[in-house]
């Protein structure tokens, strides 16, 4: 039932061609086939793969994804991340430049979100995204400059 609500959310709220920001959680959930999120992540990533949505993510997110495989000592996990990122043709991975760093610093000073989270949000804001999809309740609560959509709220139909 939650997956149907989440896909309904995608259909109602994400317009074809819209540019969204991606936080780390949807990618981790997809790679780990983590329920109850997996099917929603499949649908979201398909839309990015086939160009229905344009997405941006910070190189910080890539680092977080790759570090999980390195810590676990699994070369396959690292390969899975690299293959996924290559497959998502409508995804741009952005380096942290001075503009993003300054935006993140302002955000961090005002909201007290963690530094890496501020860089992820700052990337999406700098790129003009209206939404950032993740699952960090604290970021969703503290950051008001962008509509931070949690996977949990999507499953609730939110």
Protein backbone atom coordinates (compact mmCIF):
# COMPACT_ATOMS: atom_id res chain seq x y z
CA UNK A 1 0.00 0.00 0.00
CA UNK A 2 2.81 2.45 0.85
CA UNK A 3 4.52 1.85 -2.49
CA UNK A 4 1.30 2.67 -4.36
CA UNK A 5 1.00 5.91 -2.39
CA UNK A 6 4.63 6.78 -3.09
CA UNK A 7 4.27 6.19 -6.82
CA UNK A 8 1.08 8.26 -6.69
CA UNK A 9 3.14 11.01 -5.06
CA UNK A 10 5.69 10.81 -7.88
CA UNK A 11 2.90 11.02 -10.46
CA UNK A 12 1.16 13.97 -8.77
CA UNK A 13 4.12 16.06 -7.64
CA UNK A 14 7.05 15.49 -9.98
CA UNK A 15 6.49 17.00 -13.40
CA UNK A 16 8.10 15.50 -16.48
CA UNK A 17 11.41 17.29 -17.06
CA UNK A 18 11.58 18.67 -13.53
CA UNK A 19 15.02 18.98 -11.96
CA UNK A 20 15.31 17.41 -8.52
CA UNK A 21 18.10 16.97 -6.03
CA UNK A 22 19.00 13.52 -4.73
CA UNK A 23 20.22 12.89 -1.22
CA UNK A 24 21.95 9.61 -0.40
CA UNK A 25 19.06 7.58 1.05
CA UNK A 26 17.13 6.73 -2.15
CA UNK A 27 20.30 5.41 -3.76
CA UNK A 28 21.26 3.36 -0.70
CA UNK A 29 17.75 1.95 -0.44
CA UNK A 30 17.87 0.99 -4.10
CA UNK A 31 21.31 -0.63 -3.91
CA UNK A 32 20.38 -2.54 -0.73
CA UNK A 33 16.92 -3.45 -2.05
CA UNK A 34 15.69 -2.08 1.27
CA UNK A 35 12.01 -2.39 2.03
CA UNK A 36 9.62 -0.68 2.20
CA UNK A 37 11.45 1.80 -0.06
CA UNK A 38 12.86 -0.35 -2.85
CA UNK A 39 9.99 -0.27 -5.38
CA UNK A 40 9.59 3.49 -4.97
CA UNK A 41 13.31 3.96 -5.56
CA UNK A 42 13.14 1.77 -8.66
CA UNK A 43 10.39 3.99 -10.06
CA UNK A 44 12.20 7.21 -9.15
CA UNK A 45 15.50 6.07 -10.65
CA UNK A 46 13.79 4.78 -13.81
CA UNK A 47 12.40 8.26 -14.35
CA UNK A 48 15.91 9.67 -14.04
CA UNK A 49 17.42 6.98 -16.26
CA UNK A 50 14.94 7.60 -19.07
CA UNK A 51 14.96 11.40 -18.85
CA UNK A 52 11.50 11.96 -17.40
CA UNK A 53 13.22 13.67 -14.47
CA UNK A 54 16.51 15.50 -14.41
CA UNK A 55 18.49 15.04 -11.22
CA UNK A 56 21.52 16.53 -9.55
CA UNK A 57 23.51 15.21 -6.67
CA UNK A 58 26.59 16.29 -4.84
CA UNK A 59 29.89 14.48 -5.14
CA UNK A 60 29.42 14.20 -1.36
CA UNK A 61 26.60 11.72 -2.01
CA UNK A 62 28.85 9.74 -4.33
CA UNK A 63 31.49 9.67 -1.59
CA UNK A 64 28.93 8.40 0.93
CA UNK A 65 27.81 5.65 -1.44
CA UNK A 66 31.34 4.55 -2.31
CA UNK A 67 32.53 4.68 1.33
CA UNK A 68 29.91 2.13 2.32
CA UNK A 69 31.39 -0.38 -0.12
CA UNK A 70 34.94 0.43 0.97
CA UNK A 71 34.12 0.00 4.65
CA UNK A 72 32.39 -3.29 3.95
CA UNK A 73 35.38 -4.35 1.86
CA UNK A 74 33.18 -5.31 -1.04
CA UNK A 75 34.49 -4.52 -4.48
CA UNK A 76 31.11 -5.56 -5.90
CA UNK A 77 29.36 -2.86 -3.85
CA UNK A 78 31.65 -0.21 -5.35
CA UNK A 79 31.06 -1.58 -8.85
CA UNK A 80 27.29 -1.53 -8.25
CA UNK A 81 27.46 2.17 -7.31
CA UNK A 82 29.55 3.03 -10.35
CA UNK A 83 27.24 1.11 -12.70
CA UNK A 84 24.15 2.75 -11.24
CA UNK A 85 25.57 6.24 -11.57
CA UNK A 86 26.61 5.59 -15.19
CA UNK A 87 23.16 4.24 -16.02
CA UNK A 88 21.34 7.34 -14.72
CA UNK A 89 21.82 9.42 -17.86
CA UNK A 90 19.77 12.37 -16.59
CA UNK A 91 21.81 12.65 -13.38
CA UNK A 92 24.53 15.25 -12.99
CA UNK A 93 27.05 14.76 -10.20
CA UNK A 94 28.44 18.12 -9.13
CA UNK A 95 31.73 18.90 -7.49
CA UNK A 96 31.74 21.21 -4.50
CA UNK A 97 32.85 24.57 -5.80
CA UNK A 98 33.13 27.86 -3.95
CA UNK A 99 29.55 28.87 -4.76
CA UNK A 100 28.16 25.63 -3.33
CA UNK A 101 30.52 25.82 -0.33
CA UNK A 102 29.37 29.34 0.52
CA UNK A 103 25.70 28.42 0.13
CA UNK A 104 26.27 25.40 2.37
CA UNK A 105 28.12 27.51 4.95
CA UNK A 106 25.23 29.99 5.15
CA UNK A 107 22.75 27.14 5.42
CA UNK A 108 24.77 25.37 8.11
CA UNK A 109 25.21 28.53 10.16
CA UNK A 110 21.50 29.30 10.07
CA UNK A 111 19.99 25.81 10.43
CA UNK A 112 22.77 23.90 12.25
CA UNK A 113 22.47 20.92 9.88
CA UNK A 114 25.58 18.78 9.57
CA UNK A 115 28.27 19.94 7.16
CA UNK A 116 27.84 17.14 4.62
CA UNK A 117 24.07 17.59 4.65
CA UNK A 118 24.54 21.32 4.08
CA UNK A 119 26.72 20.57 1.04
CA UNK A 120 24.08 18.23 -0.39
CA UNK A 121 21.30 20.78 0.14
CA UNK A 122 23.55 23.61 -1.09
CA UNK A 123 24.18 21.71 -4.32
CA UNK A 124 20.46 21.27 -5.00
CA UNK A 125 19.75 24.92 -4.19
CA UNK A 126 22.59 26.22 -6.34
CA UNK A 127 21.28 24.16 -9.27
CA UNK A 128 17.77 25.59 -8.88
CA UNK A 129 16.02 22.43 -7.69
CA UNK A 130 12.62 22.90 -6.07
CA UNK A 131 12.77 19.48 -4.39
CA UNK A 132 15.41 17.34 -2.76
CA UNK A 133 14.53 13.69 -2.20
CA UNK A 134 16.08 11.87 0.74
CA UNK A 135 15.01 10.52 4.10
CA UNK A 136 16.63 12.73 6.72
CA UNK A 137 13.90 13.95 9.05
CA UNK A 138 16.18 16.51 10.68
CA UNK A 139 17.13 18.13 7.38
CA UNK A 140 13.49 18.08 6.30
CA UNK A 141 12.52 19.86 9.51
CA UNK A 142 15.31 22.45 9.60
CA UNK A 143 15.74 23.43 5.96
CA UNK A 144 13.04 25.67 4.50
CA UNK A 145 14.68 26.92 1.28
CA UNK A 146 13.87 23.73 -0.60
CA UNK A 147 11.09 21.18 -0.37
CA UNK A 148 12.96 18.27 1.22
CA UNK A 149 10.78 15.24 0.48
CA UNK A 150 11.38 12.23 2.67
CA UNK A 151 10.88 8.71 1.41
CA UNK A 152 8.77 8.08 4.50
CA UNK A 153 6.39 10.93 3.61
CA UNK A 154 6.14 9.59 0.05
CA UNK A 155 5.11 6.17 1.38
CA UNK A 156 2.45 7.91 3.47
CA UNK A 157 1.16 9.56 0.29
CA UNK A 158 2.48 12.89 1.38
